[in-house]
Amino acid sequence: MPKPGTVALVAGAALLTRRALRRRVRASPLWPLPALDPPLSGRPRPRALRLLLTARETVAEGVVQLRLEGADLPRWEPGAHLDLVLPSGLVRQYSLCGDPGDTSSYTVAVRLVPDGRGGSREVHEQLAEGMELEVRGPRNGFPLAGASSYVFVAGGIGITPILPMLRSLPDGTDWRLLYGGRTRASMPYLEEVRQLAGNRLTVVAGDEDGRPDPAALFADTAAGAAVYCCGPEGLTAAVEEALPAGTALHLERFAPRATAGGDTGFELELRRSGRTLTVPAGSTVLAAVRRELPDTAYSCEQGFCGTCRQRVLEGEIDHRDELLTDAEREDSMLICVSRARSDRLVLDM
C-alpha cells in the first residue's frame, strides 16, 4: 500500500513535469521554421519542425495518442497528416486528429501493428514524454469537400482523419457514419464519436457483429452525397463495390492498392542528369534513382505523401498512388510506387 499522500505527490510531479515541458516549448528557438526545404534534386519537401512530445496516452487497446507541442505551428484542415521522423530515421505518416485551430500543438494517434514495417512498434516502445521529434507537414491529400450530404466510413484507426471532419460540420448538415473495428475496446475515440453522431452512427465490432455492410449503409444515400472512407483494403474495396451512382468517393488507404499480375523491368532515363538506368521487376523507380541521386527526396514509400513526385517527359505511366489528381497524372508520377507501362520512361531529373 502506498503511504498517504503518495498518489497526490505523484500526480503533482507529473503535472509539474508537463508544465516544465510546455515552458521548454515556449522558450525554444526551434519554432517556427520556413515552410519548404529546397532539395538538391527533385521537388521541394516540407521543412522539418522539431516538436516536443508533451503527452502520451493510451486511447484504445493498442492505440497511443501523441501530443506534439511547438509555437505558431502551420495551420491544417481536416484530413491532413504529418510525416513523423522517428529516432531510428524511419518516416511514417499519421493523420492529425486534434483541433485544426490550435497552433500550439499537433495530435496524432498510432495503432501498434506487430507484423508491420516497424514504425508503429518504435512509437509504442520507444517514444516518451520529453523527447524532441522531427515532423514534416502538415499536408492534405484527403480534404473535406463541400457536398449536399456526407457518408463517412471508418475502419479502426481510420477514424483519425474523419474525426476532425465530423467536428467541423456545421449544425444541420446531413451526415452519417459507419465505424467498424475488431472490438469496441480497440476503437479509438468511440465515446466522442458517439456523442458527436448520436443516432447517425452505426458501430460494427467484428467480434460481435461480423464485417461492416456498406451496401446497407448506402441503401438510401441520395445522389450528390460525398462518401469518405479510411480503412484497410477489405473495407475500402467493399465501399467501392457498393458505392451508389451519383456519389463522389474519397478514399484514404492504409497501404497501396494491390496490383494484379507480375511487374516487368524497364529502362529509365534521367534526362537532366544524362543517365540511363534499369528498373528491375522486383524493385522501384525510387530505389533505382537514389542509387544515382542519393539526395532525391522521399518519405512514405507507399504513394501517399507526394514527397517523391517527379515530372515525366516520355513514356506511359502505371500509376499506383492514392494522391495525384487525374490532371497531375498526365505528366507526373510518385516514383516510390508507380512504374512504367511502356518499355521506357523519361524523368525530368
Protein backbone atom coordinates (compact mmCIF):
# COMPACT_ATOMS: atom_id res chain seq x y z
CA MET A 1 0.00 0.00 0.00
CA PRO A 2 1.39 3.46 -0.83
CA LYS A 3 1.79 5.87 2.05
CA PRO A 4 -0.94 8.52 2.47
CA GLY A 5 -0.36 11.36 0.07
CA THR A 6 1.88 9.34 -2.28
CA VAL A 7 -0.66 9.29 -5.11
CA ALA A 8 -1.20 13.04 -4.81
CA LEU A 9 2.54 13.65 -4.86
CA VAL A 10 3.00 11.51 -7.98
CA ALA A 11 0.14 13.28 -9.74
CA GLY A 12 1.56 16.66 -8.74
CA ALA A 13 5.00 15.69 -10.02
CA ALA A 14 3.50 14.64 -13.37
CA LEU A 15 1.69 17.97 -13.63
CA LEU A 16 4.87 19.90 -12.87
CA THR A 17 6.74 17.82 -15.46
CA ARG A 18 4.22 18.68 -18.17
CA ARG A 19 4.31 22.35 -17.21
CA ALA A 20 8.10 22.24 -17.48
CA LEU A 21 7.83 20.63 -20.92
CA ARG A 22 5.49 23.40 -22.07
CA ARG A 23 7.92 26.04 -20.77
CA ARG A 24 10.61 24.37 -22.88
CA VAL A 25 8.37 24.66 -25.93
CA ARG A 26 7.69 28.37 -25.35
CA ALA A 27 11.36 29.13 -24.72
CA SER A 28 12.76 27.08 -27.60
CA PRO A 29 14.26 28.87 -30.64
CA LEU A 30 13.39 25.96 -32.93
CA TRP A 31 9.86 27.05 -33.90
CA PRO A 32 8.60 28.10 -36.39
CA LEU A 33 10.75 27.37 -39.45
CA PRO A 34 10.28 28.16 -43.17
CA ALA A 35 7.75 26.01 -44.99
CA LEU A 36 9.94 24.27 -47.57
CA ASP A 37 13.41 22.77 -47.78
CA PRO A 38 14.96 23.10 -51.27
CA PRO A 39 16.32 19.69 -52.35
CA LEU A 40 19.47 19.08 -54.37
CA SER A 41 17.32 17.24 -56.90
CA GLY A 42 13.59 16.68 -57.39
CA ARG A 43 10.79 18.62 -55.72
CA PRO A 44 11.00 20.68 -52.52
CA ARG A 45 9.82 18.91 -49.38
CA PRO A 46 8.25 20.42 -46.28
CA ARG A 47 10.74 21.96 -43.87
CA ALA A 48 11.25 19.83 -40.79
CA LEU A 49 9.94 21.09 -37.45
CA ARG A 50 11.32 20.00 -34.08
CA LEU A 51 8.41 19.50 -31.67
CA LEU A 52 8.24 18.38 -28.08
CA LEU A 53 6.29 15.27 -27.09
CA THR A 54 4.43 16.60 -24.06
CA ALA A 55 1.74 13.93 -23.61
CA ARG A 56 1.44 10.26 -24.48
CA GLU A 57 -1.64 8.27 -23.53
CA THR A 58 -3.46 5.10 -24.47
CA VAL A 59 -6.82 5.88 -26.13
CA ALA A 60 -7.83 2.31 -27.07
CA GLU A 61 -6.35 -1.17 -26.96
CA GLY A 62 -3.15 -0.99 -28.98
CA VAL A 63 -3.52 2.74 -29.77
CA VAL A 64 -1.46 5.58 -28.28
CA GLN A 65 -2.15 9.28 -28.73
CA LEU A 66 0.77 11.72 -29.00
CA ARG A 67 0.60 15.45 -28.33
CA LEU A 68 3.45 17.34 -30.01
CA GLU A 69 3.85 20.96 -28.98
CA GLY A 70 5.51 23.96 -30.60
CA ALA A 71 4.66 27.60 -31.26
CA ASP A 72 2.93 29.26 -34.22
CA LEU A 73 2.64 25.93 -35.99
CA PRO A 74 1.39 25.77 -39.60
CA ARG A 75 -2.39 25.51 -39.76
CA TRP A 76 -4.15 22.48 -41.19
CA GLU A 77 -7.57 21.36 -42.35
CA PRO A 78 -9.44 18.12 -41.53
CA GLY A 79 -7.97 15.17 -43.41
CA ALA A 80 -4.36 16.39 -43.16
CA HIS A 81 -1.45 14.28 -41.98
CA LEU A 82 2.07 14.70 -40.63
CA ASP A 83 5.29 12.94 -41.54
CA LEU A 84 6.76 11.80 -38.22
CA VAL A 85 10.51 11.18 -38.30
CA LEU A 86 11.29 8.54 -35.68
CA PRO A 87 14.58 8.36 -33.76
CA SER A 88 15.70 5.43 -35.95
CA GLY A 89 15.25 7.55 -39.08
CA LEU A 90 12.06 5.79 -40.18
CA VAL A 91 9.44 8.20 -41.55
CA ARG A 92 5.77 7.41 -41.09
CA GLN A 93 2.55 9.28 -41.90
CA TYR A 94 -0.14 9.82 -39.26
CA SER A 95 -3.41 11.70 -39.62
CA LEU A 96 -3.93 14.76 -37.45
CA CYS A 97 -6.87 14.21 -35.12
CA GLY A 98 -6.78 17.24 -32.81
CA ASP A 99 -8.09 20.79 -33.19
CA PRO A 100 -7.14 22.49 -36.50
CA GLY A 101 -7.41 25.86 -34.78
CA ASP A 102 -4.72 25.01 -32.21
CA THR A 103 -1.40 26.43 -33.47
CA SER A 104 0.48 25.30 -30.36
CA SER A 105 0.23 21.53 -30.84
CA TYR A 106 -0.43 18.64 -33.17
CA THR A 107 -2.18 15.43 -32.07
CA VAL A 108 -1.84 12.03 -33.76
CA ALA A 109 -2.83 8.51 -32.78
CA VAL A 110 -0.85 5.39 -33.69
CA ARG A 111 -2.04 1.80 -33.69
CA LEU A 112 0.51 -0.91 -32.95
CA VAL A 113 0.96 -3.23 -35.94
CA PRO A 114 3.08 -6.12 -34.59
CA ASP A 115 3.83 -7.54 -38.06
CA GLY A 116 4.20 -4.16 -39.78
CA ARG A 117 7.29 -2.34 -41.07
CA GLY A 118 8.50 -1.34 -37.60
CA GLY A 119 7.32 2.26 -37.31
CA SER A 120 4.36 1.69 -35.02
CA ARG A 121 6.41 -0.59 -32.79
CA GLU A 122 9.02 2.14 -32.39
CA VAL A 123 6.30 4.67 -31.50
CA HIS A 124 4.80 2.38 -28.88
CA GLU A 125 8.03 1.09 -27.37
CA GLN A 126 10.49 3.99 -27.61
CA LEU A 127 8.71 7.35 -27.67
CA ALA A 128 8.33 9.03 -24.28
CA GLU A 129 7.23 12.39 -22.96
CA GLY A 130 10.02 14.94 -23.07
CA MET A 131 11.51 13.74 -26.36
CA GLU A 132 12.03 16.16 -29.23
CA LEU A 133 10.77 14.74 -32.52
CA GLU A 134 11.06 15.91 -36.11
CA VAL A 135 7.88 16.31 -38.14
CA ARG A 136 7.18 17.48 -41.69
CA GLY A 137 3.94 18.93 -42.94
CA PRO A 138 1.05 19.15 -42.46
CA ARG A 139 -0.15 18.06 -45.89
CA ASN A 140 -3.64 17.12 -47.02
CA GLY A 141 -4.44 14.53 -49.66
CA PHE A 142 -7.85 13.80 -48.10
CA PRO A 143 -9.60 17.18 -47.77
CA LEU A 144 -13.27 17.60 -46.88
CA ALA A 145 -15.12 18.98 -49.89
CA GLY A 146 -18.47 20.71 -49.94
CA ALA A 147 -21.45 18.43 -50.60
CA SER A 148 -25.22 18.21 -50.09
CA SER A 149 -24.72 15.30 -47.66
CA TYR A 150 -21.98 13.03 -46.36
CA VAL A 151 -21.45 9.37 -45.62
CA PHE A 152 -18.35 8.52 -43.58
CA VAL A 153 -16.87 5.02 -43.27
CA ALA A 154 -14.00 4.40 -40.85
CA GLY A 155 -12.17 1.19 -40.02
CA GLY A 156 -10.31 1.18 -36.71
CA ILE A 157 -7.53 3.79 -36.69
CA GLY A 158 -9.14 5.13 -39.89
CA ILE A 159 -11.32 7.26 -37.64
CA THR A 160 -8.42 9.68 -37.07
CA PRO A 161 -8.72 11.78 -40.27
CA ILE A 162 -12.52 11.59 -40.14
CA LEU A 163 -12.92 12.76 -36.53
CA PRO A 164 -11.85 16.38 -37.25
CA MET A 165 -14.21 16.35 -40.25
CA LEU A 166 -17.14 15.43 -38.01
CA ARG A 167 -16.24 18.18 -35.55
CA SER A 168 -16.09 20.75 -38.36
CA LEU A 169 -19.50 20.05 -39.93
CA PRO A 170 -21.98 22.89 -39.38
CA ASP A 171 -25.15 22.23 -37.43
CA GLY A 172 -27.88 20.92 -39.70
CA THR A 173 -25.51 19.09 -42.06
CA ASP A 174 -26.89 15.78 -43.36
CA TRP A 175 -24.33 13.10 -42.50
CA ARG A 176 -23.89 9.63 -41.04
CA LEU A 177 -21.03 7.38 -40.06
CA LEU A 178 -20.25 3.68 -40.16
CA TYR A 179 -17.43 2.94 -37.70
CA GLY A 180 -16.01 -0.58 -37.64
CA GLY A 181 -13.28 -2.31 -35.65
CA ARG A 182 -12.15 -5.66 -34.31
CA THR A 183 -13.65 -4.96 -30.86
CA ARG A 184 -15.21 -1.93 -29.23
CA ALA A 185 -12.22 -1.68 -26.87
CA SER A 186 -9.86 -1.39 -29.87
CA MET A 187 -11.77 1.50 -31.48
CA PRO A 188 -10.17 4.87 -30.59
CA TYR A 189 -12.35 7.86 -29.73
CA LEU A 190 -15.50 5.73 -29.77
CA GLU A 191 -17.19 7.64 -26.93
CA GLU A 192 -16.52 11.04 -28.53
CA VAL A 193 -17.82 9.73 -31.84
CA ARG A 194 -21.00 8.55 -30.12
CA GLN A 195 -21.52 11.99 -28.62
CA LEU A 196 -20.92 13.73 -31.95
CA ALA A 197 -23.01 11.40 -34.09
CA GLY A 198 -25.91 10.29 -31.90
CA ASN A 199 -28.35 8.25 -33.98
CA ARG A 200 -26.33 8.94 -37.15
CA LEU A 201 -23.73 6.38 -36.01
CA THR A 202 -23.57 2.68 -36.82
CA VAL A 203 -20.91 0.80 -34.84
CA VAL A 204 -19.80 -2.61 -36.12
CA ALA A 205 -17.48 -4.55 -33.80
CA GLY A 206 -16.11 -7.62 -35.55
CA ASP A 207 -16.26 -9.89 -32.52
CA GLU A 208 -19.96 -9.07 -32.06
CA ASP A 209 -21.35 -8.20 -35.48
CA GLY A 210 -19.01 -9.58 -38.15
CA ARG A 211 -17.94 -7.39 -41.04
CA PRO A 212 -19.44 -3.98 -41.89
CA ASP A 213 -22.02 -3.91 -44.69
CA PRO A 214 -21.50 -0.77 -46.80
CA ALA A 215 -24.36 -1.80 -49.10
CA ALA A 216 -26.85 -1.46 -46.24
CA LEU A 217 -25.34 1.89 -45.31
CA PHE A 218 -25.82 3.17 -48.86
CA ALA A 219 -29.39 1.88 -49.22
CA ASP A 220 -30.98 5.35 -49.10
CA THR A 221 -28.00 7.56 -50.00
CA ALA A 222 -29.04 10.41 -52.24
CA ALA A 223 -27.24 11.47 -55.40
CA GLY A 224 -24.73 14.23 -54.75
CA ALA A 225 -23.52 12.76 -51.46
CA ALA A 226 -19.81 12.71 -50.68
CA VAL A 227 -18.52 9.39 -49.33
CA TYR A 228 -15.37 9.50 -47.20
CA CYS A 229 -13.70 6.20 -46.34
CA CYS A 230 -10.48 5.46 -44.46
CA GLY A 231 -9.59 1.93 -43.51
CA PRO A 232 -7.96 -1.36 -44.50
CA GLU A 233 -8.06 -2.72 -48.04
CA GLY A 234 -11.02 -5.05 -47.43
CA LEU A 235 -13.20 -2.19 -46.20
CA THR A 236 -12.24 0.26 -48.95
CA ALA A 237 -12.82 -2.42 -51.61
CA ALA A 238 -16.29 -3.17 -50.18
CA VAL A 239 -17.15 0.54 -50.18
CA GLU A 240 -16.00 0.91 -53.80
CA GLU A 241 -18.11 -2.07 -54.84
CA ALA A 242 -21.26 -0.88 -53.05
CA LEU A 243 -20.93 2.82 -53.97
CA PRO A 244 -24.22 4.20 -55.36
CA ALA A 245 -24.32 6.04 -58.67
CA GLY A 246 -24.13 9.81 -58.42
CA THR A 247 -21.97 9.89 -55.28
CA ALA A 248 -18.37 11.09 -55.01
CA LEU A 249 -15.92 8.73 -53.32
CA HIS A 250 -12.90 10.00 -51.35
CA LEU A 251 -10.53 7.28 -50.10
CA GLU A 252 -7.54 7.13 -47.80
CA ARG A 253 -5.99 3.69 -47.59
CA PHE A 254 -3.70 2.11 -45.02
CA ALA A 255 -1.46 0.63 -47.74
CA PRO A 256 -1.01 0.92 -51.51
CA ARG A 257 -3.62 -0.79 -53.67
CA ALA A 258 -2.68 -4.35 -54.52
CA THR A 259 -1.86 -4.91 -58.18
CA ALA A 260 -2.72 -7.92 -60.28
CA GLY A 261 -0.04 -9.80 -62.18
CA GLY A 262 3.73 -9.55 -62.05
CA ASP A 263 5.84 -6.48 -62.72
CA THR A 264 8.39 -6.28 -65.52
CA GLY A 265 11.63 -4.36 -65.73
CA PHE A 266 12.03 -1.24 -67.88
CA GLU A 267 14.55 1.38 -68.94
CA LEU A 268 14.62 4.69 -67.10
CA GLU A 269 16.27 7.84 -68.43
CA LEU A 270 17.08 10.77 -66.15
CA ARG A 271 17.13 13.49 -68.79
CA ARG A 272 18.80 16.39 -66.92
CA SER A 273 21.39 14.10 -65.35
CA GLY A 274 22.18 12.34 -68.62
CA ARG A 275 21.87 8.89 -67.07
CA THR A 276 20.05 5.76 -68.22
CA LEU A 277 19.13 3.10 -65.67
CA THR A 278 17.32 -0.19 -65.49
CA VAL A 279 14.45 -0.65 -63.04
CA PRO A 280 14.20 -4.41 -62.30
CA ALA A 281 10.89 -6.18 -61.87
CA GLY A 282 11.37 -6.59 -58.14
CA SER A 283 12.47 -3.03 -57.36
CA THR A 284 11.14 0.54 -57.60
CA VAL A 285 11.90 3.65 -59.61
CA LEU A 286 12.80 5.39 -56.35
CA ALA A 287 15.40 2.77 -55.46
CA ALA A 288 16.98 2.98 -58.90
CA VAL A 289 17.04 6.78 -58.86
CA ARG A 290 18.52 7.03 -55.37
CA ARG A 291 21.43 4.80 -56.36
CA GLU A 292 22.38 7.56 -58.81
CA LEU A 293 20.97 10.61 -57.00
CA PRO A 294 21.04 9.74 -53.28
CA ASP A 295 19.69 13.15 -52.21
CA THR A 296 16.36 12.55 -54.00
CA ALA A 297 13.56 13.38 -51.57
CA TYR A 298 11.17 10.67 -50.43
CA SER A 299 9.17 9.81 -47.35
CA CYS A 300 6.33 7.30 -47.08
CA GLU A 301 7.36 4.85 -49.85
CA GLN A 302 3.68 3.95 -50.18
CA GLY A 303 2.27 6.53 -52.60
CA PHE A 304 0.51 8.67 -50.00
CA CYS A 305 2.58 11.74 -49.22
CA GLY A 306 3.76 13.14 -52.58
CA THR A 307 7.33 13.88 -51.49
CA CYS A 308 8.86 11.84 -54.32
CA ARG A 309 6.68 13.25 -57.13
CA GLN A 310 8.62 13.76 -60.36
CA ARG A 311 7.80 15.14 -63.81
CA VAL A 312 7.55 12.59 -66.64
CA LEU A 313 8.75 13.68 -70.09
CA GLU A 314 8.16 10.48 -72.08
CA GLY A 315 6.61 7.07 -71.59
CA GLU A 316 3.39 5.54 -70.31
CA ILE A 317 2.92 5.57 -66.53
CA ASP A 318 1.43 2.80 -64.40
CA HIS A 319 0.03 4.96 -61.56
CA ARG A 320 -0.30 3.17 -58.22
CA ASP A 321 -0.56 6.10 -55.82
CA GLU A 322 -3.51 7.40 -53.81
CA LEU A 323 -2.67 11.09 -54.09
CA LEU A 324 -2.39 12.61 -57.56
CA THR A 325 -5.35 14.06 -59.43
CA ASP A 326 -6.15 12.99 -62.99
CA ALA A 327 -4.63 16.23 -64.27
CA GLU A 328 -1.43 15.72 -62.27
CA ARG A 329 -1.12 12.16 -63.54
CA GLU A 330 -0.83 13.37 -67.13
CA ASP A 331 2.81 14.41 -66.68
CA SER A 332 3.99 13.32 -63.23
CA MET A 333 4.27 10.26 -61.01
CA LEU A 334 5.16 9.19 -57.48
CA ILE A 335 8.31 7.20 -58.05
CA CYS A 336 8.07 5.23 -54.80
CA VAL A 337 5.20 3.05 -56.06
CA SER A 338 4.33 3.86 -59.68
CA ARG A 339 6.05 2.18 -62.61
CA ALA A 340 6.11 2.20 -66.41
CA ARG A 341 3.57 0.55 -68.68
CA SER A 342 5.94 1.13 -71.57
CA ASP A 343 9.45 -0.28 -72.05
CA ARG A 344 11.00 3.11 -71.36
CA LEU A 345 10.29 6.09 -69.12
CA VAL A 346 11.99 9.51 -69.12
CA LEU A 347 12.01 11.69 -65.98
CA ASP A 348 12.92 15.36 -65.73
CA MET A 349 15.76 14.69 -63.28
